[in-house]
Amino acid sequence: MIEIKTKVSYYILYSVLLFGMLLFTSYVDVLLKQIATESFSLFPWTIYRLLLFIPMGLMLGVPYLIKEKEKGGRWRINYVKLIFMGLPALYFTLYFIFHFYFQFLRLPSHLGYLLTEVSTYKTSGVILGYILITSVYKKNKWS
């Protein structure tokens, strides 16, 4: 019975933190957009907006990291996951910058439109944060 109460308490606290972070992040996103619009300056405000949702993905991966911490062994990094999943997520998260400043990294116009006009960077940022935190794991000698 105590274990169930502990799990319930954990999930309630985690939910409050997660959804509180979502509300805070959304509020800051609106604020940064307003500052960028009023100041007629995309930088550094746009970069902050692009990176704002990565901590949300990190927060989603916290339960995974807690379970990994309890395991024995040495910490390792899954480089394959980082390269083949993390780099595309980073590209989509920062595409707005690539589109306007690094033309050689542009996608065809209809795809580029989706990545610059739709809030794809938010979803990509969350995915990137989750990939970053779940790319770390523990491995012992025998597994």
C-alpha atoms as a PDB file:
ATOM      1  CA  MET A   1       0.000   0.000   0.000  1.00  0.00           C
ATOM      2  CA  ILE A   2       2.868   2.379   0.823  1.00  0.00           C
ATOM      3  CA  GLU A   3       4.454   1.676  -2.573  1.00  0.00           C
ATOM      4  CA  ILE A   4       1.230   2.663  -4.360  1.00  0.00           C
ATOM      5  CA  LYS A   5       1.009   5.914  -2.368  1.00  0.00           C
ATOM      6  CA  THR A   6       4.629   6.665  -3.234  1.00  0.00           C
ATOM      7  CA  LYS A   7       4.004   6.064  -6.947  1.00  0.00           C
ATOM      8  CA  VAL A   8       0.852   8.186  -6.889  1.00  0.00           C
ATOM      9  CA  SER A   9       2.723  10.995  -5.138  1.00  0.00           C
ATOM     10  CA  TYR A  10       5.554  10.724  -7.656  1.00  0.00           C
ATOM     11  CA  TYR A  11       3.222  10.927 -10.649  1.00  0.00           C
ATOM     12  CA  ILE A  12       1.244  13.803  -9.176  1.00  0.00           C
ATOM     13  CA  LEU A  13       4.446  15.762  -8.545  1.00  0.00           C
ATOM     14  CA  TYR A  14       5.823  14.864 -11.975  1.00  0.00           C
ATOM     15  CA  SER A  15       2.559  15.914 -13.660  1.00  0.00           C
ATOM     16  CA  VAL A  16       2.470  19.233 -11.819  1.00  0.00           C
ATOM     17  CA  LEU A  17       6.088  19.938 -12.796  1.00  0.00           C
ATOM     18  CA  LEU A  18       5.602  18.808 -16.399  1.00  0.00           C
ATOM     19  CA  PHE A  19       2.423  20.782 -17.042  1.00  0.00           C
ATOM     20  CA  GLY A  20       3.723  23.757 -15.089  1.00  0.00           C
ATOM     21  CA  MET A  21       6.778  23.723 -17.310  1.00  0.00           C
ATOM     22  CA  LEU A  22       4.527  23.502 -20.393  1.00  0.00           C
ATOM     23  CA  LEU A  23       2.547  26.561 -19.316  1.00  0.00           C
ATOM     24  CA  PHE A  24       5.683  28.501 -18.417  1.00  0.00           C
ATOM     25  CA  THR A  25       7.409  27.581 -21.684  1.00  0.00           C
ATOM     26  CA  SER A  26       4.357  28.587 -23.720  1.00  0.00           C
ATOM     27  CA  TYR A  27       4.152  31.895 -21.867  1.00  0.00           C
ATOM     28  CA  VAL A  28       7.841  32.642 -22.446  1.00  0.00           C
ATOM     29  CA  ASP A  29       7.450  31.684 -26.127  1.00  0.00           C
ATOM     30  CA  VAL A  30       4.674  34.258 -26.567  1.00  0.00           C
ATOM     31  CA  LEU A  31       6.745  36.863 -24.719  1.00  0.00           C
ATOM     32  CA  LEU A  32       9.836  36.256 -26.871  1.00  0.00           C
ATOM     33  CA  LYS A  33       7.754  36.476 -30.043  1.00  0.00           C
ATOM     34  CA  GLN A  34       6.328  39.781 -28.859  1.00  0.00           C
ATOM     35  CA  ILE A  35       9.786  41.153 -28.009  1.00  0.00           C
ATOM     36  CA  ALA A  36      11.146  40.110 -31.413  1.00  0.00           C
ATOM     37  CA  THR A  37       8.192  41.734 -33.172  1.00  0.00           C
ATOM     38  CA  GLU A  38       8.352  44.978 -31.226  1.00  0.00           C
ATOM     39  CA  SER A  39      12.129  45.333 -31.440  1.00  0.00           C
ATOM     40  CA  PHE A  40      12.287  44.374 -35.149  1.00  0.00           C
ATOM     41  CA  SER A  41      15.183  42.159 -34.156  1.00  0.00           C
ATOM     42  CA  LEU A  42      15.077  38.452 -34.811  1.00  0.00           C
ATOM     43  CA  PHE A  43      18.280  37.748 -32.932  1.00  0.00           C
ATOM     44  CA  PRO A  44      18.743  36.704 -30.173  1.00  0.00           C
ATOM     45  CA  TRP A  45      15.004  36.335 -29.490  1.00  0.00           C
ATOM     46  CA  THR A  46      14.339  33.863 -32.276  1.00  0.00           C
ATOM     47  CA  ILE A  47      17.208  31.631 -31.209  1.00  0.00           C
ATOM     48  CA  TYR A  48      15.829  31.610 -27.661  1.00  0.00           C
ATOM     49  CA  ARG A  49      12.400  30.640 -29.007  1.00  0.00           C
ATOM     50  CA  LEU A  50      13.879  27.815 -31.081  1.00  0.00           C
ATOM     51  CA  LEU A  51      15.737  26.367 -28.079  1.00  0.00           C
ATOM     52  CA  LEU A  52      12.952  26.968 -25.569  1.00  0.00           C
ATOM     53  CA  PHE A  53      11.201  23.618 -25.950  1.00  0.00           C
ATOM     54  CA  ILE A  54      14.258  21.377 -25.611  1.00  0.00           C
ATOM     55  CA  PRO A  55      14.049  21.378 -21.781  1.00  0.00           C
ATOM     56  CA  MET A  56      10.476  20.084 -22.114  1.00  0.00           C
ATOM     57  CA  GLY A  57      11.805  16.976 -23.879  1.00  0.00           C
ATOM     58  CA  LEU A  58      14.503  16.627 -21.243  1.00  0.00           C
ATOM     59  CA  MET A  59      11.789  16.728 -18.587  1.00  0.00           C
ATOM     60  CA  LEU A  60       9.842  13.978 -20.376  1.00  0.00           C
ATOM     61  CA  GLY A  61      12.932  11.769 -20.213  1.00  0.00           C
ATOM     62  CA  VAL A  62      13.543  12.204 -16.486  1.00  0.00           C
ATOM     63  CA  PRO A  63      11.740   8.951 -15.483  1.00  0.00           C
ATOM     64  CA  TYR A  64      13.960   7.037 -17.921  1.00  0.00           C
ATOM     65  CA  LEU A  65      17.089   8.644 -16.468  1.00  0.00           C
ATOM     66  CA  ILE A  66      15.994   7.845 -12.912  1.00  0.00           C
ATOM     67  CA  LYS A  67      15.582   4.166 -13.854  1.00  0.00           C
ATOM     68  CA  GLU A  68      18.983   4.146 -15.545  1.00  0.00           C
ATOM     69  CA  LYS A  69      20.591   5.726 -12.486  1.00  0.00           C
ATOM     70  CA  GLU A  70      19.408   2.807 -10.351  1.00  0.00           C
ATOM     71  CA  LYS A  71      21.170   0.287 -12.600  1.00  0.00           C
ATOM     72  CA  GLY A  72      24.724  -0.813 -12.036  1.00  0.00           C
ATOM     73  CA  GLY A  73      27.518  -0.164 -14.465  1.00  0.00           C
ATOM     74  CA  ARG A  74      29.145   2.735 -16.261  1.00  0.00           C
ATOM     75  CA  TRP A  75      27.379   5.548 -18.063  1.00  0.00           C
ATOM     76  CA  ARG A  76      27.453   5.277 -21.850  1.00  0.00           C
ATOM     77  CA  ILE A  77      26.188   7.403 -24.720  1.00  0.00           C
ATOM     78  CA  ASN A  78      24.236   5.985 -27.640  1.00  0.00           C
ATOM     79  CA  TYR A  79      26.001   7.854 -30.453  1.00  0.00           C
ATOM     80  CA  VAL A  80      24.023   6.112 -33.184  1.00  0.00           C
ATOM     81  CA  LYS A  81      20.795   7.442 -31.695  1.00  0.00           C
ATOM     82  CA  LEU A  82      22.280  10.920 -31.349  1.00  0.00           C
ATOM     83  CA  ILE A  83      23.484  10.989 -34.939  1.00  0.00           C
ATOM     84  CA  PHE A  84      20.522   9.415 -36.726  1.00  0.00           C
ATOM     85  CA  MET A  85      17.735  10.800 -34.550  1.00  0.00           C
ATOM     86  CA  GLY A  86      19.286  13.746 -32.708  1.00  0.00           C
ATOM     87  CA  LEU A  87      20.809  15.522 -35.709  1.00  0.00           C
ATOM     88  CA  PRO A  88      17.570  15.518 -37.751  1.00  0.00           C
ATOM     89  CA  ALA A  89      15.670  16.780 -34.701  1.00  0.00           C
ATOM     90  CA  LEU A  90      18.295  19.513 -34.243  1.00  0.00           C
ATOM     91  CA  TYR A  91      18.008  20.407 -37.940  1.00  0.00           C
ATOM     92  CA  PHE A  92      14.218  20.734 -37.728  1.00  0.00           C
ATOM     93  CA  THR A  93      14.470  22.689 -34.470  1.00  0.00           C
ATOM     94  CA  LEU A  94      16.918  25.212 -35.958  1.00  0.00           C
ATOM     95  CA  TYR A  95      15.562  25.172 -39.517  1.00  0.00           C
ATOM     96  CA  PHE A  96      14.362  28.762 -39.271  1.00  0.00           C
ATOM     97  CA  ILE A  97      17.979  29.912 -38.945  1.00  0.00           C
ATOM     98  CA  PHE A  98      19.182  27.584 -41.702  1.00  0.00           C
ATOM     99  CA  HIS A  99      16.439  28.767 -44.037  1.00  0.00           C
ATOM    100  CA  PHE A 100      17.403  32.422 -43.844  1.00  0.00           C
ATOM    101  CA  TYR A 101      21.140  32.319 -43.222  1.00  0.00           C
ATOM    102  CA  PHE A 102      22.467  29.084 -44.676  1.00  0.00           C
ATOM    103  CA  GLN A 103      20.779  28.650 -48.050  1.00  0.00           C
ATOM    104  CA  PHE A 104      22.709  25.482 -48.859  1.00  0.00           C
ATOM    105  CA  LEU A 105      20.844  23.772 -45.992  1.00  0.00           C
ATOM    106  CA  ARG A 106      17.382  24.714 -47.297  1.00  0.00           C
ATOM    107  CA  LEU A 107      14.706  22.181 -48.097  1.00  0.00           C
ATOM    108  CA  PRO A 108      12.412  22.412 -51.151  1.00  0.00           C
ATOM    109  CA  SER A 109      10.036  25.353 -50.796  1.00  0.00           C
ATOM    110  CA  HIS A 110       6.891  23.471 -49.734  1.00  0.00           C
ATOM    111  CA  LEU A 111       8.770  21.599 -46.990  1.00  0.00           C
ATOM    112  CA  GLY A 112      10.661  24.707 -45.947  1.00  0.00           C
ATOM    113  CA  TYR A 113       7.369  26.551 -45.645  1.00  0.00           C
ATOM    114  CA  LEU A 114       6.045  23.939 -43.243  1.00  0.00           C
ATOM    115  CA  LEU A 115       9.153  24.207 -41.088  1.00  0.00           C
ATOM    116  CA  THR A 116       9.244  28.022 -40.984  1.00  0.00           C
ATOM    117  CA  GLU A 117       5.553  28.926 -40.844  1.00  0.00           C
ATOM    118  CA  VAL A 118       4.182  26.143 -38.678  1.00  0.00           C
ATOM    119  CA  SER A 119       5.412  25.687 -35.125  1.00  0.00           C
ATOM    120  CA  THR A 120       7.365  22.570 -36.046  1.00  0.00           C
ATOM    121  CA  TYR A 121      10.327  23.840 -34.043  1.00  0.00           C
ATOM    122  CA  LYS A 122       8.354  23.316 -30.832  1.00  0.00           C
ATOM    123  CA  THR A 123       7.690  19.649 -31.500  1.00  0.00           C
ATOM    124  CA  SER A 124      11.202  19.127 -32.840  1.00  0.00           C
ATOM    125  CA  GLY A 125      12.671  20.785 -29.751  1.00  0.00           C
ATOM    126  CA  VAL A 126      10.736  18.472 -27.452  1.00  0.00           C
ATOM    127  CA  ILE A 127      11.824  15.456 -29.507  1.00  0.00           C
ATOM    128  CA  LEU A 128      15.442  16.652 -29.454  1.00  0.00           C
ATOM    129  CA  GLY A 129      15.404  17.066 -25.676  1.00  0.00           C
ATOM    130  CA  TYR A 130      13.947  13.595 -25.232  1.00  0.00           C
ATOM    131  CA  ILE A 131      16.521  12.062 -27.579  1.00  0.00           C
ATOM    132  CA  LEU A 132      19.346  13.808 -25.732  1.00  0.00           C
ATOM    133  CA  ILE A 133      18.334  12.527 -22.311  1.00  0.00           C
ATOM    134  CA  THR A 134      17.474   8.998 -23.467  1.00  0.00           C
ATOM    135  CA  SER A 135      20.766   8.618 -25.326  1.00  0.00           C
ATOM    136  CA  VAL A 136      22.514   8.225 -21.987  1.00  0.00           C
ATOM    137  CA  TYR A 137      22.352   4.797 -20.395  1.00  0.00           C
ATOM    138  CA  LYS A 138      24.206   2.513 -18.028  1.00  0.00           C
ATOM    139  CA  LYS A 139      25.908  -0.654 -19.135  1.00  0.00           C
ATOM    140  CA  ASN A 140      27.659  -3.188 -16.958  1.00  0.00           C
ATOM    141  CA  LYS A 141      30.455  -5.515 -18.070  1.00  0.00           C
ATOM    142  CA  TRP A 142      28.192  -8.517 -18.502  1.00  0.00           C
ATOM    143  CA  SER A 143      25.434  -7.054 -20.670  1.00  0.00           C
END
